Amino acid sequence: MQVEGYSMWPTLKPKDPVIVRPLNQHSEVPPIGAIIVCIHPHQPSCRVIKRLSAVTDNQLTILGDYPDASTDSRQWGIISRKCLIGEVVALAATPSEQK
């Protein structure tokens, strides 16, 4: 998956390729502070990368690292656990970075 936008700046930059560990409904929720991938709560065809800020029951609070450029739980409110689809586990090196 590739990062779009500046919401996770400076942790992740636009076009950074990330490796995502898929999660399903039976997976343990990543720890608070993990960077996760979710289905956008209002645009189901879109995926968003945010930091997991809080978990209560089956609800998640997700925030971008750069609030001025992020749309997240501050606007959407809490989102359903069902929206969680993966955890970012690494930043992938691009071919030009491997030389």
PDB file of N, CA and C in Angstrom:
ATOM      1  N   MET A   1       0.851  -1.169   0.000  1.00  0.00           N
ATOM      2  CA  MET A   1       0.000   0.000   0.000  1.00  0.00           C
ATOM      3  C   MET A   1       0.893   1.226   0.000  1.00  0.00           C
ATOM      4  N   GLN A   2       0.434   2.278  -0.633  1.00  0.00           N
ATOM      5  CA  GLN A   2       1.217   3.493  -0.711  1.00  0.00           C
ATOM      6  C   GLN A   2       0.491   4.621   0.035  1.00  0.00           C
ATOM      7  N   VAL A   3       1.262   5.416   0.760  1.00  0.00           N
ATOM      8  CA  VAL A   3       0.720   6.522   1.529  1.00  0.00           C
ATOM      9  C   VAL A   3       0.317   7.649   0.581  1.00  0.00           C
ATOM     10  N   GLU A   4      -0.835   8.230   0.863  1.00  0.00           N
ATOM     11  CA  GLU A   4      -1.290   9.415   0.135  1.00  0.00           C
ATOM     12  C   GLU A   4      -1.527  10.518   1.155  1.00  0.00           C
ATOM     13  N   GLY A   5      -1.171  11.712   0.837  1.00  0.00           N
ATOM     14  CA  GLY A   5      -1.428  12.844   1.720  1.00  0.00           C
ATOM     15  C   GLY A   5      -0.423  12.969   2.851  1.00  0.00           C
ATOM     16  N   TYR A   6      -0.644  14.006   3.648  1.00  0.00           N
ATOM     17  CA  TYR A   6       0.310  14.365   4.708  1.00  0.00           C
ATOM     18  C   TYR A   6      -0.228  14.105   6.111  1.00  0.00           C
ATOM     19  N   SER A   7      -1.303  13.378   6.240  1.00  0.00           N
ATOM     20  CA  SER A   7      -1.905  13.216   7.570  1.00  0.00           C
ATOM     21  C   SER A   7      -1.001  12.480   8.552  1.00  0.00           C
ATOM     22  N   MET A   8      -0.072  11.671   8.061  1.00  0.00           N
ATOM     23  CA  MET A   8       0.823  10.929   8.965  1.00  0.00           C
ATOM     24  C   MET A   8       2.234  11.524   8.977  1.00  0.00           C
ATOM     25  N   TRP A   9       2.395  12.721   8.428  1.00  0.00           N
ATOM     26  CA  TRP A   9       3.667  13.424   8.447  1.00  0.00           C
ATOM     27  C   TRP A   9       4.081  13.709   9.882  1.00  0.00           C
ATOM     28  N   PRO A  10       5.281  13.613  10.301  1.00  0.00           N
ATOM     29  CA  PRO A  10       6.467  13.240   9.535  1.00  0.00           C
ATOM     30  C   PRO A  10       6.776  11.740   9.563  1.00  0.00           C
ATOM     31  N   THR A  11       5.921  10.956  10.219  1.00  0.00           N
ATOM     32  CA  THR A  11       6.170   9.519  10.308  1.00  0.00           C
ATOM     33  C   THR A  11       6.160   8.870   8.924  1.00  0.00           C
ATOM     34  N   LEU A  12       5.138   9.177   8.152  1.00  0.00           N
ATOM     35  CA  LEU A  12       5.007   8.657   6.793  1.00  0.00           C
ATOM     36  C   LEU A  12       4.773   9.828   5.854  1.00  0.00           C
ATOM     37  N   LYS A  13       5.416   9.743   4.695  1.00  0.00           N
ATOM     38  CA  LYS A  13       5.297  10.804   3.696  1.00  0.00           C
ATOM     39  C   LYS A  13       4.483  10.301   2.497  1.00  0.00           C
ATOM     40  N   PRO A  14       3.908  11.224   1.723  1.00  0.00           N
ATOM     41  CA  PRO A  14       3.199  10.794   0.523  1.00  0.00           C
ATOM     42  C   PRO A  14       4.097   9.928  -0.365  1.00  0.00           C
ATOM     43  N   LYS A  15       3.539   8.874  -0.886  1.00  0.00           N
ATOM     44  CA  LYS A  15       4.179   7.897  -1.772  1.00  0.00           C
ATOM     45  C   LYS A  15       5.066   6.905  -1.036  1.00  0.00           C
ATOM     46  N   ASP A  16       5.194   6.989   0.279  1.00  0.00           N
ATOM     47  CA  ASP A  16       5.929   5.959   1.009  1.00  0.00           C
ATOM     48  C   ASP A  16       5.204   4.629   0.828  1.00  0.00           C
ATOM     49  N   PRO A  17       5.918   3.579   0.445  1.00  0.00           N
ATOM     50  CA  PRO A  17       5.291   2.258   0.365  1.00  0.00           C
ATOM     51  C   PRO A  17       5.372   1.581   1.736  1.00  0.00           C
ATOM     52  N   VAL A  18       4.256   1.082   2.213  1.00  0.00           N
ATOM     53  CA  VAL A  18       4.246   0.436   3.522  1.00  0.00           C
ATOM     54  C   VAL A  18       3.788  -1.016   3.383  1.00  0.00           C
ATOM     55  N   ILE A  19       4.267  -1.831   4.309  1.00  0.00           N
ATOM     56  CA  ILE A  19       3.852  -3.230   4.363  1.00  0.00           C
ATOM     57  C   ILE A  19       2.774  -3.337   5.435  1.00  0.00           C
ATOM     58  N   VAL A  20       1.660  -3.938   5.062  1.00  0.00           N
ATOM     59  CA  VAL A  20       0.506  -4.021   5.949  1.00  0.00           C
ATOM     60  C   VAL A  20       0.222  -5.481   6.285  1.00  0.00           C
ATOM     61  N   ARG A  21       0.117  -5.749   7.591  1.00  0.00           N
ATOM     62  CA  ARG A  21      -0.285  -7.086   8.052  1.00  0.00           C
ATOM     63  C   ARG A  21      -1.808  -7.097   8.109  1.00  0.00           C
ATOM     64  N   PRO A  22      -2.435  -7.976   7.305  1.00  0.00           N
ATOM     65  CA  PRO A  22      -3.899  -8.008   7.305  1.00  0.00           C
ATOM     66  C   PRO A  22      -4.448  -8.480   8.656  1.00  0.00           C
ATOM     67  N   LEU A  23      -5.573  -7.925   9.032  1.00  0.00           N
ATOM     68  CA  LEU A  23      -6.273  -8.336  10.256  1.00  0.00           C
ATOM     69  C   LEU A  23      -7.705  -8.686   9.881  1.00  0.00           C
ATOM     70  N   ASN A  24      -8.298  -9.561  10.645  1.00  0.00           N
ATOM     71  CA  ASN A  24      -9.714  -9.854  10.433  1.00  0.00           C
ATOM     72  C   ASN A  24     -10.465  -9.649  11.748  1.00  0.00           C
ATOM     73  N   GLN A  25     -11.722  -9.952  11.753  1.00  0.00           N
ATOM     74  CA  GLN A  25     -12.555  -9.698  12.934  1.00  0.00           C
ATOM     75  C   GLN A  25     -12.114 -10.492  14.158  1.00  0.00           C
ATOM     76  N   HIS A  26     -11.368 -11.573  13.931  1.00  0.00           N
ATOM     77  CA  HIS A  26     -10.928 -12.410  15.038  1.00  0.00           C
ATOM     78  C   HIS A  26      -9.519 -12.062  15.501  1.00  0.00           C
ATOM     79  N   SER A  27      -8.846 -11.184  14.785  1.00  0.00           N
ATOM     80  CA  SER A  27      -7.488 -10.781  15.153  1.00  0.00           C
ATOM     81  C   SER A  27      -7.525  -9.889  16.381  1.00  0.00           C
ATOM     82  N   GLU A  28      -6.444  -9.939  17.142  1.00  0.00           N
ATOM     83  CA  GLU A  28      -6.317  -9.027  18.269  1.00  0.00           C
ATOM     84  C   GLU A  28      -6.118  -7.604  17.736  1.00  0.00           C
ATOM     85  N   VAL A  29      -6.725  -6.646  18.386  1.00  0.00           N
ATOM     86  CA  VAL A  29      -6.559  -5.255  17.972  1.00  0.00           C
ATOM     87  C   VAL A  29      -5.123  -4.837  18.286  1.00  0.00           C
ATOM     88  N   PRO A  30      -4.454  -4.161  17.358  1.00  0.00           N
ATOM     89  CA  PRO A  30      -3.075  -3.700  17.608  1.00  0.00           C
ATOM     90  C   PRO A  30      -3.026  -2.794  18.842  1.00  0.00           C
ATOM     91  N   PRO A  31      -1.843  -2.632  19.409  1.00  0.00           N
ATOM     92  CA  PRO A  31      -1.728  -1.793  20.603  1.00  0.00           C
ATOM     93  C   PRO A  31      -1.966  -0.317  20.294  1.00  0.00           C
ATOM     94  N   ILE A  32      -2.359   0.419  21.316  1.00  0.00           N
ATOM     95  CA  ILE A  32      -2.522   1.865  21.176  1.00  0.00           C
ATOM     96  C   ILE A  32      -1.196   2.448  20.694  1.00  0.00           C
ATOM     97  N   GLY A  33      -1.267   3.308  19.707  1.00  0.00           N
ATOM     98  CA  GLY A  33      -0.066   3.897  19.123  1.00  0.00           C
ATOM     99  C   GLY A  33       0.344   3.233  17.816  1.00  0.00           C
ATOM    100  N   ALA A  34      -0.226   2.064  17.517  1.00  0.00           N
ATOM    101  CA  ALA A  34       0.096   1.380  16.255  1.00  0.00           C
ATOM    102  C   ALA A  34      -0.466   2.178  15.082  1.00  0.00           C
ATOM    103  N   ILE A  35       0.188   2.057  13.953  1.00  0.00           N
ATOM    104  CA  ILE A  35      -0.326   2.661  12.722  1.00  0.00           C
ATOM    105  C   ILE A  35      -1.161   1.598  12.027  1.00  0.00           C
ATOM    106  N   ILE A  36      -2.386   1.949  11.729  1.00  0.00           N
ATOM    107  CA  ILE A  36      -3.322   0.963  11.199  1.00  0.00           C
ATOM    108  C   ILE A  36      -3.932   1.443   9.884  1.00  0.00           C
ATOM    109  N   VAL A  37      -4.512   0.475   9.183  1.00  0.00           N
ATOM    110  CA  VAL A  37      -5.238   0.766   7.944  1.00  0.00           C
ATOM    111  C   VAL A  37      -6.706   0.433   8.205  1.00  0.00           C
ATOM    112  N   CYS A  38      -7.559   1.368   7.859  1.00  0.00           N
ATOM    113  CA  CYS A  38      -9.005   1.190   8.068  1.00  0.00           C
ATOM    114  C   CYS A  38      -9.766   1.547   6.801  1.00  0.00           C
ATOM    115  N   ILE A  39     -10.936   1.016   6.719  1.00  0.00           N
ATOM    116  CA  ILE A  39     -11.883   1.461   5.705  1.00  0.00           C
ATOM    117  C   ILE A  39     -12.389   2.832   6.142  1.00  0.00           C
ATOM    118  N   HIS A  40     -12.395   3.778   5.226  1.00  0.00           N
ATOM    119  CA  HIS A  40     -12.903   5.110   5.542  1.00  0.00           C
ATOM    120  C   HIS A  40     -14.360   4.968   5.988  1.00  0.00           C
ATOM    121  N   PRO A  41     -14.714   5.526   7.152  1.00  0.00           N
ATOM    122  CA  PRO A  41     -16.067   5.297   7.669  1.00  0.00           C
ATOM    123  C   PRO A  41     -17.187   5.907   6.823  1.00  0.00           C
ATOM    124  N   HIS A  42     -16.864   6.870   5.972  1.00  0.00           N
ATOM    125  CA  HIS A  42     -17.895   7.499   5.146  1.00  0.00           C
ATOM    126  C   HIS A  42     -17.709   7.245   3.653  1.00  0.00           C
ATOM    127  N   GLN A  43     -16.579   6.647   3.288  1.00  0.00           N
ATOM    128  CA  GLN A  43     -16.312   6.327   1.885  1.00  0.00           C
ATOM    129  C   GLN A  43     -15.752   4.909   1.840  1.00  0.00           C
ATOM    130  N   PRO A  44     -16.598   3.902   1.887  1.00  0.00           N
ATOM    131  CA  PRO A  44     -16.144   2.511   2.026  1.00  0.00           C
ATOM    132  C   PRO A  44     -15.158   2.028   0.961  1.00  0.00           C
ATOM    133  N   SER A  45     -15.079   2.715  -0.172  1.00  0.00           N
ATOM    134  CA  SER A  45     -14.121   2.274  -1.189  1.00  0.00           C
ATOM    135  C   SER A  45     -12.713   2.819  -0.909  1.00  0.00           C
ATOM    136  N   CYS A  46     -12.557   3.686   0.068  1.00  0.00           N
ATOM    137  CA  CYS A  46     -11.263   4.293   0.405  1.00  0.00           C
ATOM    138  C   CYS A  46     -10.650   3.644   1.641  1.00  0.00           C
ATOM    139  N   ARG A  47      -9.332   3.609   1.666  1.00  0.00           N
ATOM    140  CA  ARG A  47      -8.582   3.126   2.829  1.00  0.00           C
ATOM    141  C   ARG A  47      -7.837   4.309   3.418  1.00  0.00           C
ATOM    142  N   VAL A  48      -7.702   4.314   4.752  1.00  0.00           N
ATOM    143  CA  VAL A  48      -6.973   5.385   5.422  1.00  0.00           C
ATOM    144  C   VAL A  48      -5.915   4.768   6.336  1.00  0.00           C
ATOM    145  N   ILE A  49      -4.802   5.481   6.456  1.00  0.00           N
ATOM    146  CA  ILE A  49      -3.731   5.084   7.363  1.00  0.00           C
ATOM    147  C   ILE A  49      -3.692   6.109   8.484  1.00  0.00           C
ATOM    148  N   LYS A  50      -3.877   5.640   9.713  1.00  0.00           N
ATOM    149  CA  LYS A  50      -3.898   6.529  10.883  1.00  0.00           C
ATOM    150  C   LYS A  50      -3.270   5.810  12.072  1.00  0.00           C
ATOM    151  N   ARG A  51      -3.092   6.568  13.137  1.00  0.00           N
ATOM    152  CA  ARG A  51      -2.571   5.981  14.366  1.00  0.00           C
ATOM    153  C   ARG A  51      -3.744   5.632  15.288  1.00  0.00           C
ATOM    154  N   LEU A  52      -3.675   4.429  15.856  1.00  0.00           N
ATOM    155  CA  LEU A  52      -4.711   3.995  16.790  1.00  0.00           C
ATOM    156  C   LEU A  52      -4.514   4.732  18.104  1.00  0.00           C
ATOM    157  N   SER A  53      -5.521   5.500  18.489  1.00  0.00           N
ATOM    158  CA  SER A  53      -5.414   6.342  19.675  1.00  0.00           C
ATOM    159  C   SER A  53      -6.131   5.759  20.887  1.00  0.00           C
ATOM    160  N   ALA A  54      -7.241   5.075  20.651  1.00  0.00           N
ATOM    161  CA  ALA A  54      -7.991   4.494  21.766  1.00  0.00           C
ATOM    162  C   ALA A  54      -8.881   3.374  21.239  1.00  0.00           C
ATOM    163  N   VAL A  55      -9.168   2.438  22.129  1.00  0.00           N
ATOM    164  CA  VAL A  55     -10.061   1.326  21.803  1.00  0.00           C
ATOM    165  C   VAL A  55     -11.030   1.170  22.969  1.00  0.00           C
ATOM    166  N   THR A  56     -12.314   1.203  22.670  1.00  0.00           N
ATOM    167  CA  THR A  56     -13.323   0.935  23.683  1.00  0.00           C
ATOM    168  C   THR A  56     -14.340  -0.017  23.069  1.00  0.00           C
ATOM    169  N   ASP A  57     -14.561  -1.122  23.752  1.00  0.00           N
ATOM    170  CA  ASP A  57     -15.431  -2.179  23.229  1.00  0.00           C
ATOM    171  C   ASP A  57     -15.020  -2.479  21.784  1.00  0.00           C
ATOM    172  N   ASN A  58     -15.897  -2.284  20.852  1.00  0.00           N
ATOM    173  CA  ASN A  58     -15.577  -2.529  19.440  1.00  0.00           C
ATOM    174  C   ASN A  58     -15.498  -1.236  18.658  1.00  0.00           C
ATOM    175  N   GLN A  59     -15.040  -0.182  19.323  1.00  0.00           N
ATOM    176  CA  GLN A  59     -14.935   1.127  18.696  1.00  0.00           C
ATOM    177  C   GLN A  59     -13.488   1.606  18.759  1.00  0.00           C
ATOM    178  N   LEU A  60     -13.059   2.268  17.695  1.00  0.00           N
ATOM    179  CA  LEU A  60     -11.683   2.752  17.605  1.00  0.00           C
ATOM    180  C   LEU A  60     -11.664   4.266  17.449  1.00  0.00           C
ATOM    181  N   THR A  61     -10.690   4.884  18.075  1.00  0.00           N
ATOM    182  CA  THR A  61     -10.400   6.289  17.826  1.00  0.00           C
ATOM    183  C   THR A  61      -9.089   6.320  17.070  1.00  0.00           C
ATOM    184  N   ILE A  62      -9.097   6.945  15.898  1.00  0.00           N
ATOM    185  CA  ILE A  62      -7.894   6.987  15.069  1.00  0.00           C
ATOM    186  C   ILE A  62      -7.557   8.434  14.746  1.00  0.00           C
ATOM    187  N   LEU A  63      -6.261   8.740  14.780  1.00  0.00           N
ATOM    188  CA  LEU A  63      -5.797  10.106  14.554  1.00  0.00           C
ATOM    189  C   LEU A  63      -4.607  10.110  13.614  1.00  0.00           C
ATOM    190  N   GLY A  64      -4.492  11.169  12.835  1.00  0.00           N
ATOM    191  CA  GLY A  64      -3.300  11.376  12.030  1.00  0.00           C
ATOM    192  C   GLY A  64      -2.213  11.993  12.890  1.00  0.00           C
ATOM    193  N   ASP A  65      -0.966  11.834  12.473  1.00  0.00           N
ATOM    194  CA  ASP A  65       0.146  12.419  13.227  1.00  0.00           C
ATOM    195  C   ASP A  65       0.277  13.920  12.982  1.00  0.00           C
ATOM    196  N   TYR A  66      -0.302  14.401  11.900  1.00  0.00           N
ATOM    197  CA  TYR A  66      -0.200  15.817  11.548  1.00  0.00           C
ATOM    198  C   TYR A  66      -1.625  16.390  11.524  1.00  0.00           C
ATOM    199  N   PRO A  67      -2.107  16.851  12.681  1.00  0.00           N
ATOM    200  CA  PRO A  67      -3.512  17.257  12.796  1.00  0.00           C
ATOM    201  C   PRO A  67      -3.965  18.282  11.768  1.00  0.00           C
ATOM    202  N   ASP A  68      -3.077  19.199  11.368  1.00  0.00           N
ATOM    203  CA  ASP A  68      -3.493  20.218  10.402  1.00  0.00           C
ATOM    204  C   ASP A  68      -3.824  19.632   9.030  1.00  0.00           C
ATOM    205  N   ALA A  69      -3.306  18.449   8.738  1.00  0.00           N
ATOM    206  CA  ALA A  69      -3.541  17.836   7.426  1.00  0.00           C
ATOM    207  C   ALA A  69      -4.349  16.548   7.525  1.00  0.00           C
ATOM    208  N   SER A  70      -4.902  16.276   8.674  1.00  0.00           N
ATOM    209  CA  SER A  70      -5.567  14.990   8.870  1.00  0.00           C
ATOM    210  C   SER A  70      -7.069  15.139   9.084  1.00  0.00           C
ATOM    211  N   THR A  71      -7.802  14.266   8.446  1.00  0.00           N
ATOM    212  CA  THR A  71      -9.213  14.071   8.742  1.00  0.00           C
ATOM    213  C   THR A  71      -9.296  12.718   9.431  1.00  0.00           C
ATOM    214  N   ASP A  72      -9.868  12.689  10.603  1.00  0.00           N
ATOM    215  CA  ASP A  72      -9.815  11.468  11.406  1.00  0.00           C
ATOM    216  C   ASP A  72     -10.943  11.466  12.429  1.00  0.00           C
ATOM    217  N   SER A  73     -10.748  10.803  13.544  1.00  0.00           N
ATOM    218  CA  SER A  73     -11.824  10.689  14.541  1.00  0.00           C
ATOM    219  C   SER A  73     -12.241  12.029  15.124  1.00  0.00           C
ATOM    220  N   ARG A  74     -11.425  13.042  14.982  1.00  0.00           N
ATOM    221  CA  ARG A  74     -11.858  14.358  15.460  1.00  0.00           C
ATOM    222  C   ARG A  74     -13.049  14.865  14.645  1.00  0.00           C
ATOM    223  N   GLN A  75     -13.119  14.450  13.367  1.00  0.00           N
ATOM    224  CA  GLN A  75     -14.254  14.829  12.524  1.00  0.00           C
ATOM    225  C   GLN A  75     -15.282  13.686  12.438  1.00  0.00           C
ATOM    226  N   TRP A  76     -14.808  12.452  12.351  1.00  0.00           N
ATOM    227  CA  TRP A  76     -15.688  11.308  12.123  1.00  0.00           C
ATOM    228  C   TRP A  76     -16.270  10.733  13.404  1.00  0.00           C
ATOM    229  N   GLY A  77     -15.617  11.013  14.537  1.00  0.00           N
ATOM    230  CA  GLY A  77     -15.983  10.328  15.768  1.00  0.00           C
ATOM    231  C   GLY A  77     -15.328   8.962  15.802  1.00  0.00           C
ATOM    232  N   ILE A  78     -15.764   8.136  16.720  1.00  0.00           N
ATOM    233  CA  ILE A  78     -15.194   6.796  16.804  1.00  0.00           C
ATOM    234  C   ILE A  78     -15.690   5.986  15.611  1.00  0.00           C
ATOM    235  N   ILE A  79     -14.880   4.995  15.245  1.00  0.00           N
ATOM    236  CA  ILE A  79     -15.267   4.163  14.107  1.00  0.00           C
ATOM    237  C   ILE A  79     -15.386   2.714  14.574  1.00  0.00           C
ATOM    238  N   SER A  80     -16.108   1.948  13.830  1.00  0.00           N
ATOM    239  CA  SER A  80     -16.336   0.549  14.184  1.00  0.00           C
ATOM    240  C   SER A  80     -15.064  -0.278  14.025  1.00  0.00           C
ATOM    241  N   ARG A  81     -14.902  -1.220  14.916  1.00  0.00           N
ATOM    242  CA  ARG A  81     -13.806  -2.197  14.824  1.00  0.00           C
ATOM    243  C   ARG A  81     -13.853  -2.913  13.477  1.00  0.00           C
ATOM    244  N   LYS A  82     -15.026  -3.028  12.897  1.00  0.00           N
ATOM    245  CA  LYS A  82     -15.190  -3.708  11.611  1.00  0.00           C
ATOM    246  C   LYS A  82     -14.454  -2.984  10.490  1.00  0.00           C
ATOM    247  N   CYS A  83     -14.125  -1.704  10.679  1.00  0.00           N
ATOM    248  CA  CYS A  83     -13.392  -0.942   9.661  1.00  0.00           C
ATOM    249  C   CYS A  83     -11.906  -1.271   9.646  1.00  0.00           C
ATOM    250  N   LEU A  84     -11.394  -1.866  10.710  1.00  0.00           N
ATOM    251  CA  LEU A  84      -9.965  -2.174  10.797  1.00  0.00           C
ATOM    252  C   LEU A  84      -9.620  -3.317   9.846  1.00  0.00           C
ATOM    253  N   ILE A  85      -8.657  -3.072   8.950  1.00  0.00           N
ATOM    254  CA  ILE A  85      -8.281  -4.122   7.998  1.00  0.00           C
ATOM    255  C   ILE A  85      -6.811  -4.499   8.055  1.00  0.00           C
ATOM    256  N   GLY A  86      -5.975  -3.732   8.766  1.00  0.00           N
ATOM    257  CA  GLY A  86      -4.566  -4.117   8.829  1.00  0.00           C
ATOM    258  C   GLY A  86      -3.750  -3.207   9.717  1.00  0.00           C
ATOM    259  N   GLU A  87      -2.526  -3.651   9.972  1.00  0.00           N
ATOM    260  CA  GLU A  87      -1.569  -2.872  10.757  1.00  0.00           C
ATOM    261  C   GLU A  87      -0.326  -2.650   9.907  1.00  0.00           C
ATOM    262  N   VAL A  88       0.141  -1.427   9.853  1.00  0.00           N
ATOM    263  CA  VAL A  88       1.379  -1.128   9.137  1.00  0.00           C
ATOM    264  C   VAL A  88       2.533  -1.667   9.976  1.00  0.00           C
ATOM    265  N   VAL A  89       3.309  -2.566   9.382  1.00  0.00           N
ATOM    266  CA  VAL A  89       4.397  -3.202  10.131  1.00  0.00           C
ATOM    267  C   VAL A  89       5.770  -2.731   9.673  1.00  0.00           C
ATOM    268  N   ALA A  90       5.849  -2.114   8.502  1.00  0.00           N
ATOM    269  CA  ALA A  90       7.160  -1.660   8.027  1.00  0.00           C
ATOM    270  C   ALA A  90       6.993  -0.680   6.886  1.00  0.00           C
ATOM    271  N   LEU A  91       8.017   0.112   6.737  1.00  0.00           N
ATOM    272  CA  LEU A  91       8.119   0.991   5.578  1.00  0.00           C
ATOM    273  C   LEU A  91       8.967   0.226   4.569  1.00  0.00           C
ATOM    274  N   ALA A  92       8.439  -0.016   3.396  1.00  0.00           N
ATOM    275  CA  ALA A  92       9.159  -0.779   2.375  1.00  0.00           C
ATOM    276  C   ALA A  92      10.166   0.118   1.670  1.00  0.00           C
ATOM    277  N   ALA A  93      11.296  -0.428   1.354  1.00  0.00           N
ATOM    278  CA  ALA A  93      12.305   0.306   0.600  1.00  0.00           C
ATOM    279  C   ALA A  93      11.933   0.272  -0.871  1.00  0.00           C
ATOM    280  N   THR A  94      12.104   1.390  -1.531  1.00  0.00           N
ATOM    281  CA  THR A  94      11.887   1.418  -2.963  1.00  0.00           C
ATOM    282  C   THR A  94      13.152   0.909  -3.647  1.00  0.00           C
ATOM    283  N   PRO A  95      13.071   0.448  -4.898  1.00  0.00           N
ATOM    284  CA  PRO A  95      14.262  -0.082  -5.576  1.00  0.00           C
ATOM    285  C   PRO A  95      15.441   0.892  -5.561  1.00  0.00           C
ATOM    286  N   SER A  96      15.196   2.179  -5.678  1.00  0.00           N
ATOM    287  CA  SER A  96      16.306   3.134  -5.700  1.00  0.00           C
ATOM    288  C   SER A  96      16.970   3.256  -4.334  1.00  0.00           C
ATOM    289  N   GLU A  97      16.254   2.927  -3.260  1.00  0.00           N
ATOM    290  CA  GLU A  97      16.817   2.997  -1.913  1.00  0.00           C
ATOM    291  C   GLU A  97      17.623   1.755  -1.554  1.00  0.00           C
ATOM    292  N   GLN A  98      17.485   0.670  -2.321  1.00  0.00           N
ATOM    293  CA  GLN A  98      18.163  -0.584  -2.008  1.00  0.00           C
ATOM    294  C   GLN A  98      19.577  -0.628  -2.552  1.00  0.00           C
ATOM    295  N   LYS A  99      19.972   0.358  -3.347  1.00  0.00           N
ATOM    296  CA  LYS A  99      21.308   0.324  -3.948  1.00  0.00           C
ATOM    297  C   LYS A  99      22.364   0.622  -2.921  1.00  0.00           C
TER     298      LYS A  99
END
